[in-house]
């Protein structure tokens, strides 16, 4: 059915459960996976940061971003290896994770996205938004949501 599944993660316990379930799903389907995360974009320093000399260069931000992405993806990569699922990984810098997820699925030629839902309601949903809902709204490929 599915041949290549994108599994996005932010490293949270909820996302970790979806990674595990997504890998099980991929193994049963005989699909390969791309494990994916988005880390924050570079922010231009404000005046206070400049005055306090708390400025991070773009190069340093890129290094830290790659390190953070590796920290997020490493447990998922280990699970994929242990499960015997063909896999690769990717990350981008983006302040809009849902857009990055949809773009990554397209860029990697995925035919499905398997992701978690944090299940926020009320004010928490208004404050934090719903990346899962945004992916469901904007993705042209099937998106499986694990709760």
N, C-alpha and C. Protein backbone atom coordinates (compact mmCIF):
# COMPACT_ATOMS: atom_id res chain seq x y z
N UNK A 1 0.83 -1.19 0.00
CA UNK A 1 0.00 0.00 0.00
C UNK A 1 0.87 1.25 0.00
N UNK A 2 1.56 1.53 1.11
CA UNK A 2 2.46 2.68 1.17
C UNK A 2 3.89 2.19 1.02
N UNK A 3 4.68 2.97 0.30
CA UNK A 3 6.06 2.56 0.03
C UNK A 3 7.08 3.43 0.77
N UNK A 4 6.72 4.69 1.04
CA UNK A 4 7.66 5.62 1.67
C UNK A 4 6.87 6.56 2.58
N UNK A 5 7.13 6.46 3.88
CA UNK A 5 6.36 7.19 4.88
C UNK A 5 7.24 8.20 5.58
N UNK A 6 6.77 9.44 5.66
CA UNK A 6 7.46 10.47 6.44
C UNK A 6 6.94 10.38 7.88
N UNK A 7 7.88 10.30 8.83
CA UNK A 7 7.51 10.29 10.24
C UNK A 7 8.18 11.49 10.90
N UNK A 8 7.43 12.58 11.09
CA UNK A 8 8.01 13.75 11.76
C UNK A 8 8.00 13.58 13.28
N UNK A 9 8.99 14.16 13.93
CA UNK A 9 9.05 14.10 15.38
C UNK A 9 9.65 15.39 15.92
N UNK A 10 9.19 15.76 17.11
CA UNK A 10 9.80 16.89 17.81
C UNK A 10 10.54 16.40 19.05
N UNK A 11 10.62 15.08 19.19
CA UNK A 11 11.32 14.50 20.33
C UNK A 11 10.51 14.40 21.60
N UNK A 12 9.27 14.83 21.57
CA UNK A 12 8.42 14.77 22.75
C UNK A 12 7.96 13.33 23.01
N UNK A 13 7.53 13.03 24.24
CA UNK A 13 7.02 11.68 24.52
C UNK A 13 5.86 11.29 23.61
N UNK A 14 4.98 12.23 23.30
CA UNK A 14 3.85 11.93 22.41
C UNK A 14 4.35 11.58 21.02
N UNK A 15 5.30 12.36 20.51
CA UNK A 15 5.86 12.07 19.19
C UNK A 15 6.62 10.75 19.19
N UNK A 16 7.30 10.43 20.29
CA UNK A 16 8.03 9.17 20.39
C UNK A 16 7.09 7.97 20.24
N UNK A 17 5.90 8.07 20.83
CA UNK A 17 4.92 6.99 20.69
C UNK A 17 4.49 6.83 19.23
N UNK A 18 4.33 7.95 18.54
CA UNK A 18 3.94 7.90 17.13
C UNK A 18 5.07 7.35 16.27
N UNK A 19 6.32 7.67 16.62
CA UNK A 19 7.47 7.12 15.89
C UNK A 19 7.44 5.60 16.00
N UNK A 20 7.26 5.10 17.20
CA UNK A 20 7.22 3.65 17.43
C UNK A 20 6.08 3.02 16.63
N UNK A 21 4.90 3.60 16.69
CA UNK A 21 3.75 3.07 15.96
C UNK A 21 3.96 3.20 14.45
N UNK A 22 4.55 4.30 14.02
CA UNK A 22 4.81 4.50 12.60
C UNK A 22 5.81 3.50 12.05
N UNK A 23 6.83 3.18 12.85
CA UNK A 23 7.80 2.17 12.43
C UNK A 23 7.16 0.79 12.34
N UNK A 24 6.29 0.47 13.30
CA UNK A 24 5.55 -0.81 13.24
C UNK A 24 4.70 -0.87 11.98
N UNK A 25 4.02 0.24 11.70
CA UNK A 25 3.16 0.32 10.51
C UNK A 25 4.00 0.14 9.25
N UNK A 26 5.14 0.83 9.19
CA UNK A 26 6.02 0.74 8.01
C UNK A 26 6.56 -0.68 7.84
N UNK A 27 6.97 -1.31 8.92
CA UNK A 27 7.50 -2.68 8.85
C UNK A 27 6.43 -3.62 8.29
N UNK A 28 5.21 -3.50 8.81
CA UNK A 28 4.12 -4.36 8.34
C UNK A 28 3.78 -4.09 6.88
N UNK A 29 3.91 -2.84 6.45
CA UNK A 29 3.59 -2.47 5.07
C UNK A 29 4.76 -2.71 4.12
N UNK A 30 5.94 -2.99 4.67
CA UNK A 30 7.12 -3.15 3.83
C UNK A 30 7.59 -1.83 3.26
N UNK A 31 7.31 -0.75 3.98
CA UNK A 31 7.67 0.59 3.50
C UNK A 31 8.97 1.07 4.15
N UNK A 32 9.60 2.00 3.50
CA UNK A 32 10.74 2.68 4.11
C UNK A 32 10.24 3.98 4.72
N UNK A 33 11.03 4.55 5.60
CA UNK A 33 10.61 5.79 6.26
C UNK A 33 11.70 6.85 6.16
N UNK A 34 11.25 8.07 6.21
CA UNK A 34 12.13 9.22 6.41
C UNK A 34 11.71 9.83 7.73
N UNK A 35 12.63 9.85 8.67
CA UNK A 35 12.40 10.49 9.97
C UNK A 35 12.79 11.95 9.82
N UNK A 36 11.94 12.84 10.33
CA UNK A 36 12.10 14.26 10.02
C UNK A 36 11.82 15.12 11.24
N UNK A 37 12.55 16.22 11.35
CA UNK A 37 12.26 17.22 12.36
C UNK A 37 12.52 18.61 11.81
N UNK A 38 11.89 19.58 12.40
CA UNK A 38 12.12 20.99 12.07
C UNK A 38 12.60 21.69 13.33
N UNK A 39 13.66 22.47 13.18
CA UNK A 39 14.21 23.24 14.30
C UNK A 39 14.06 24.72 13.98
N UNK A 40 14.07 25.59 15.00
CA UNK A 40 13.81 27.01 14.75
C UNK A 40 14.82 27.66 13.80
N UNK A 41 14.31 28.62 13.05
CA UNK A 41 15.13 29.41 12.14
C UNK A 41 16.01 30.39 12.93
N UNK A 42 17.00 30.91 12.25
CA UNK A 42 17.86 31.94 12.83
C UNK A 42 17.04 33.20 13.08
N UNK A 43 17.22 33.78 14.24
CA UNK A 43 16.55 35.03 14.57
C UNK A 43 17.58 36.16 14.60
N UNK A 44 17.31 37.22 13.89
CA UNK A 44 18.21 38.37 13.90
C UNK A 44 18.24 38.93 15.31
N UNK A 45 19.43 39.19 15.84
CA UNK A 45 19.52 39.68 17.22
C UNK A 45 18.83 41.04 17.37
N UNK A 46 18.20 41.22 18.52
CA UNK A 46 17.58 42.52 18.79
C UNK A 46 18.62 43.44 19.43
N UNK A 47 18.24 44.67 19.66
CA UNK A 47 19.17 45.67 20.18
C UNK A 47 19.74 45.27 21.55
N UNK A 48 18.91 44.74 22.42
CA UNK A 48 19.38 44.34 23.75
C UNK A 48 20.43 43.23 23.65
N UNK A 49 20.20 42.27 22.76
CA UNK A 49 21.17 41.20 22.58
C UNK A 49 22.49 41.73 22.02
N UNK A 50 22.38 42.69 21.12
CA UNK A 50 23.60 43.30 20.57
C UNK A 50 24.38 44.03 21.65
N UNK A 51 23.66 44.80 22.45
CA UNK A 51 24.32 45.57 23.51
C UNK A 51 24.95 44.65 24.55
N UNK A 52 24.30 43.54 24.86
CA UNK A 52 24.82 42.60 25.85
C UNK A 52 25.83 41.62 25.24
N UNK A 53 26.04 41.76 23.95
CA UNK A 53 26.96 40.89 23.20
C UNK A 53 26.55 39.41 23.28
N UNK A 54 25.24 39.20 23.31
CA UNK A 54 24.69 37.84 23.27
C UNK A 54 24.24 37.53 21.86
N UNK A 55 25.17 37.58 20.94
CA UNK A 55 24.85 37.38 19.54
C UNK A 55 25.40 36.03 19.08
N UNK A 56 24.55 35.27 18.44
CA UNK A 56 24.96 33.99 17.88
C UNK A 56 25.06 34.18 16.37
N UNK A 57 26.18 33.80 15.81
CA UNK A 57 26.37 33.93 14.36
C UNK A 57 25.48 32.94 13.63
N UNK A 58 25.26 33.19 12.37
CA UNK A 58 24.47 32.27 11.55
C UNK A 58 25.16 30.91 11.50
N UNK A 59 26.47 30.91 11.37
CA UNK A 59 27.22 29.65 11.33
C UNK A 59 27.04 28.87 12.63
N UNK A 60 27.12 29.57 13.76
CA UNK A 60 26.93 28.90 15.06
C UNK A 60 25.49 28.40 15.19
N UNK A 61 24.54 29.20 14.74
CA UNK A 61 23.14 28.76 14.78
C UNK A 61 22.96 27.50 13.93
N UNK A 62 23.56 27.47 12.75
CA UNK A 62 23.46 26.29 11.89
C UNK A 62 24.06 25.07 12.57
N UNK A 63 25.20 25.24 13.24
CA UNK A 63 25.85 24.14 13.94
C UNK A 63 24.94 23.63 15.06
N UNK A 64 24.41 24.57 15.85
CA UNK A 64 23.52 24.19 16.95
C UNK A 64 22.24 23.53 16.44
N UNK A 65 21.73 24.02 15.32
CA UNK A 65 20.52 23.44 14.73
C UNK A 65 20.76 22.00 14.31
N UNK A 66 21.88 21.75 13.66
CA UNK A 66 22.21 20.39 13.23
C UNK A 66 22.37 19.48 14.44
N UNK A 67 23.00 19.99 15.49
CA UNK A 67 23.19 19.21 16.71
C UNK A 67 21.83 18.91 17.37
N UNK A 68 20.97 19.91 17.46
CA UNK A 68 19.64 19.71 18.05
C UNK A 68 18.84 18.70 17.25
N UNK A 69 18.88 18.82 15.91
CA UNK A 69 18.16 17.88 15.06
C UNK A 69 18.68 16.46 15.27
N UNK A 70 19.99 16.32 15.37
CA UNK A 70 20.56 14.99 15.60
C UNK A 70 20.10 14.43 16.94
N UNK A 71 20.05 15.27 17.97
CA UNK A 71 19.58 14.82 19.28
C UNK A 71 18.13 14.36 19.23
N UNK A 72 17.31 15.07 18.46
CA UNK A 72 15.89 14.70 18.33
C UNK A 72 15.74 13.41 17.53
N UNK A 73 16.51 13.29 16.44
CA UNK A 73 16.34 12.17 15.52
C UNK A 73 17.05 10.89 15.95
N UNK A 74 18.11 11.00 16.75
CA UNK A 74 18.92 9.82 17.11
C UNK A 74 18.10 8.68 17.72
N UNK A 75 17.23 8.94 18.69
CA UNK A 75 16.45 7.81 19.24
C UNK A 75 15.53 7.16 18.19
N UNK A 76 14.97 7.97 17.32
CA UNK A 76 14.09 7.43 16.27
C UNK A 76 14.89 6.61 15.27
N UNK A 77 16.09 7.07 14.93
CA UNK A 77 16.95 6.32 14.01
C UNK A 77 17.35 4.98 14.62
N UNK A 78 17.65 4.98 15.90
CA UNK A 78 18.01 3.73 16.58
C UNK A 78 16.82 2.77 16.58
N UNK A 79 15.63 3.28 16.80
CA UNK A 79 14.43 2.42 16.78
C UNK A 79 14.21 1.84 15.38
N UNK A 80 14.43 2.66 14.35
CA UNK A 80 14.26 2.18 12.98
C UNK A 80 15.26 1.07 12.67
N UNK A 81 16.51 1.26 13.10
CA UNK A 81 17.53 0.20 12.90
C UNK A 81 17.11 -1.08 13.62
N UNK A 82 16.69 -0.93 14.86
CA UNK A 82 16.30 -2.10 15.66
C UNK A 82 15.08 -2.81 15.07
N UNK A 83 14.20 -2.04 14.46
CA UNK A 83 12.99 -2.62 13.87
C UNK A 83 13.24 -3.22 12.48
N UNK A 84 14.42 -2.96 11.93
CA UNK A 84 14.74 -3.48 10.60
C UNK A 84 14.01 -2.75 9.49
N UNK A 85 13.66 -1.49 9.71
CA UNK A 85 12.95 -0.70 8.71
C UNK A 85 13.96 0.16 7.95
N UNK A 86 13.90 0.10 6.63
CA UNK A 86 14.76 0.96 5.81
C UNK A 86 14.42 2.41 6.11
N UNK A 87 15.47 3.21 6.30
CA UNK A 87 15.19 4.58 6.76
C UNK A 87 16.28 5.55 6.33
N UNK A 88 15.90 6.81 6.35
CA UNK A 88 16.84 7.91 6.27
C UNK A 88 16.27 9.01 7.14
N UNK A 89 16.96 10.13 7.20
CA UNK A 89 16.47 11.23 8.04
C UNK A 89 16.79 12.56 7.40
N UNK A 90 16.10 13.57 7.87
CA UNK A 90 16.31 14.92 7.35
C UNK A 90 15.81 15.92 8.38
N UNK A 91 16.30 17.13 8.28
CA UNK A 91 15.79 18.22 9.10
C UNK A 91 15.91 19.51 8.32
N UNK A 92 15.11 20.48 8.73
CA UNK A 92 15.20 21.83 8.18
C UNK A 92 15.05 22.82 9.32
N UNK A 93 15.47 24.03 9.05
CA UNK A 93 15.20 25.13 9.97
C UNK A 93 13.91 25.79 9.48
N UNK A 94 12.93 25.79 10.35
CA UNK A 94 11.64 26.39 9.99
C UNK A 94 10.87 26.75 11.25
N UNK A 95 10.26 27.91 11.23
CA UNK A 95 9.40 28.33 12.32
C UNK A 95 7.94 27.93 12.06
N UNK A 96 7.72 27.22 10.97
CA UNK A 96 6.39 26.72 10.62
C UNK A 96 6.48 25.21 10.39
N UNK A 97 6.49 24.45 11.48
CA UNK A 97 6.70 22.99 11.34
C UNK A 97 5.73 22.30 10.40
N UNK A 98 4.46 22.68 10.42
CA UNK A 98 3.50 21.99 9.55
C UNK A 98 3.85 22.18 8.08
N UNK A 99 4.25 23.38 7.72
CA UNK A 99 4.66 23.63 6.33
C UNK A 99 5.92 22.85 5.99
N UNK A 100 6.85 22.77 6.93
CA UNK A 100 8.08 22.02 6.71
C UNK A 100 7.80 20.54 6.54
N UNK A 101 6.85 20.00 7.29
CA UNK A 101 6.49 18.59 7.19
C UNK A 101 5.90 18.29 5.81
N UNK A 102 4.97 19.10 5.37
CA UNK A 102 4.36 18.90 4.05
C UNK A 102 5.41 19.01 2.95
N UNK A 103 6.29 20.01 3.04
CA UNK A 103 7.35 20.19 2.05
C UNK A 103 8.32 19.02 2.06
N UNK A 104 8.66 18.51 3.24
CA UNK A 104 9.57 17.37 3.33
C UNK A 104 8.96 16.12 2.71
N UNK A 105 7.68 15.89 2.94
CA UNK A 105 7.02 14.74 2.34
C UNK A 105 7.07 14.83 0.82
N UNK A 106 6.85 16.01 0.29
CA UNK A 106 6.92 16.20 -1.16
C UNK A 106 8.34 16.02 -1.67
N UNK A 107 9.31 16.64 -0.98
CA UNK A 107 10.71 16.59 -1.41
C UNK A 107 11.26 15.17 -1.41
N UNK A 108 10.81 14.35 -0.47
CA UNK A 108 11.33 12.99 -0.35
C UNK A 108 10.47 11.97 -1.11
N UNK A 109 9.43 12.44 -1.79
CA UNK A 109 8.58 11.53 -2.56
C UNK A 109 7.79 10.57 -1.70
N UNK A 110 7.41 11.01 -0.51
CA UNK A 110 6.64 10.15 0.40
C UNK A 110 5.20 10.02 -0.09
N UNK A 111 4.61 8.86 0.17
CA UNK A 111 3.22 8.67 -0.20
C UNK A 111 2.29 8.64 1.01
N UNK A 112 2.86 8.92 2.21
CA UNK A 112 2.06 9.04 3.42
C UNK A 112 2.88 9.75 4.50
N UNK A 113 2.17 10.35 5.43
CA UNK A 113 2.76 10.97 6.62
C UNK A 113 2.14 10.28 7.82
N UNK A 114 2.97 9.90 8.78
CA UNK A 114 2.48 9.26 10.00
C UNK A 114 2.97 10.11 11.16
N UNK A 115 2.04 10.76 11.86
CA UNK A 115 2.46 11.69 12.92
C UNK A 115 1.55 11.63 14.12
N UNK A 116 2.02 12.24 15.20
CA UNK A 116 1.26 12.27 16.44
C UNK A 116 0.37 13.49 16.50
N UNK A 117 -0.55 13.43 17.44
CA UNK A 117 -1.36 14.59 17.79
C UNK A 117 -1.22 14.77 19.30
N UNK A 118 -0.90 15.97 19.70
CA UNK A 118 -0.75 16.22 21.14
C UNK A 118 -2.11 16.30 21.83
N UNK A 119 -3.17 16.40 21.05
CA UNK A 119 -4.51 16.37 21.63
C UNK A 119 -4.84 17.57 22.49
N UNK A 120 -4.25 18.72 22.17
CA UNK A 120 -4.54 19.92 22.97
C UNK A 120 -5.96 20.40 22.70
N UNK A 121 -6.56 20.95 23.75
CA UNK A 121 -7.91 21.50 23.63
C UNK A 121 -7.95 22.86 24.31
N UNK A 122 -8.99 23.59 24.04
CA UNK A 122 -9.23 24.87 24.72
C UNK A 122 -8.12 25.88 24.50
N UNK A 123 -7.72 26.54 25.58
CA UNK A 123 -6.72 27.62 25.50
C UNK A 123 -5.36 27.10 25.04
N UNK A 124 -5.00 25.89 25.46
CA UNK A 124 -3.70 25.33 25.04
C UNK A 124 -3.65 25.20 23.52
N UNK A 125 -4.77 24.80 22.91
CA UNK A 125 -4.81 24.66 21.46
C UNK A 125 -4.72 26.02 20.79
N UNK A 126 -5.41 27.01 21.36
CA UNK A 126 -5.33 28.36 20.81
C UNK A 126 -3.92 28.92 20.93
N UNK A 127 -3.29 28.66 22.06
CA UNK A 127 -1.95 29.20 22.31
C UNK A 127 -0.89 28.49 21.46
N UNK A 128 -0.90 27.16 21.47
CA UNK A 128 0.13 26.38 20.78
C UNK A 128 -0.24 26.02 19.35
N UNK A 129 -1.52 26.11 19.03
CA UNK A 129 -1.94 25.73 17.69
C UNK A 129 -1.95 24.22 17.53
N UNK A 130 -2.20 23.80 16.34
CA UNK A 130 -2.21 22.38 16.05
C UNK A 130 -1.45 22.14 14.75
N UNK A 131 -0.21 21.70 14.89
CA UNK A 131 0.60 21.39 13.71
C UNK A 131 -0.05 20.24 12.94
N UNK A 132 -0.59 19.27 13.68
CA UNK A 132 -1.22 18.12 13.04
C UNK A 132 -2.40 18.56 12.19
N UNK A 133 -3.24 19.42 12.73
CA UNK A 133 -4.38 19.91 11.96
C UNK A 133 -3.93 20.66 10.72
N UNK A 134 -2.87 21.46 10.84
CA UNK A 134 -2.36 22.19 9.68
C UNK A 134 -1.81 21.25 8.62
N UNK A 135 -1.14 20.17 9.04
CA UNK A 135 -0.66 19.19 8.07
C UNK A 135 -1.85 18.52 7.39
N UNK A 136 -2.84 18.11 8.17
CA UNK A 136 -4.04 17.49 7.59
C UNK A 136 -4.71 18.40 6.58
N UNK A 137 -4.74 19.69 6.88
CA UNK A 137 -5.40 20.66 6.01
C UNK A 137 -4.63 20.90 4.71
N UNK A 138 -3.29 20.87 4.78
CA UNK A 138 -2.49 21.28 3.63
C UNK A 138 -1.78 20.16 2.88
N UNK A 139 -1.81 18.95 3.40
CA UNK A 139 -1.12 17.85 2.73
C UNK A 139 -2.00 17.24 1.65
N UNK A 140 -1.38 16.96 0.52
CA UNK A 140 -2.09 16.32 -0.58
C UNK A 140 -1.99 14.80 -0.50
N UNK A 141 -1.18 14.29 0.44
CA UNK A 141 -1.03 12.85 0.58
C UNK A 141 -1.69 12.39 1.88
N UNK A 142 -2.01 11.11 1.98
CA UNK A 142 -2.66 10.61 3.21
C UNK A 142 -1.80 10.88 4.44
N UNK A 143 -2.46 11.31 5.51
CA UNK A 143 -1.79 11.57 6.78
C UNK A 143 -2.48 10.76 7.85
N UNK A 144 -1.71 9.87 8.47
CA UNK A 144 -2.23 9.03 9.54
C UNK A 144 -1.84 9.68 10.86
N UNK A 145 -2.82 9.87 11.73
CA UNK A 145 -2.59 10.54 13.01
C UNK A 145 -2.69 9.51 14.13
N UNK A 146 -1.62 9.44 14.92
CA UNK A 146 -1.57 8.52 16.05
C UNK A 146 -1.88 9.27 17.32
N UNK A 147 -2.83 8.76 18.10
CA UNK A 147 -3.20 9.40 19.37
C UNK A 147 -2.98 8.45 20.50
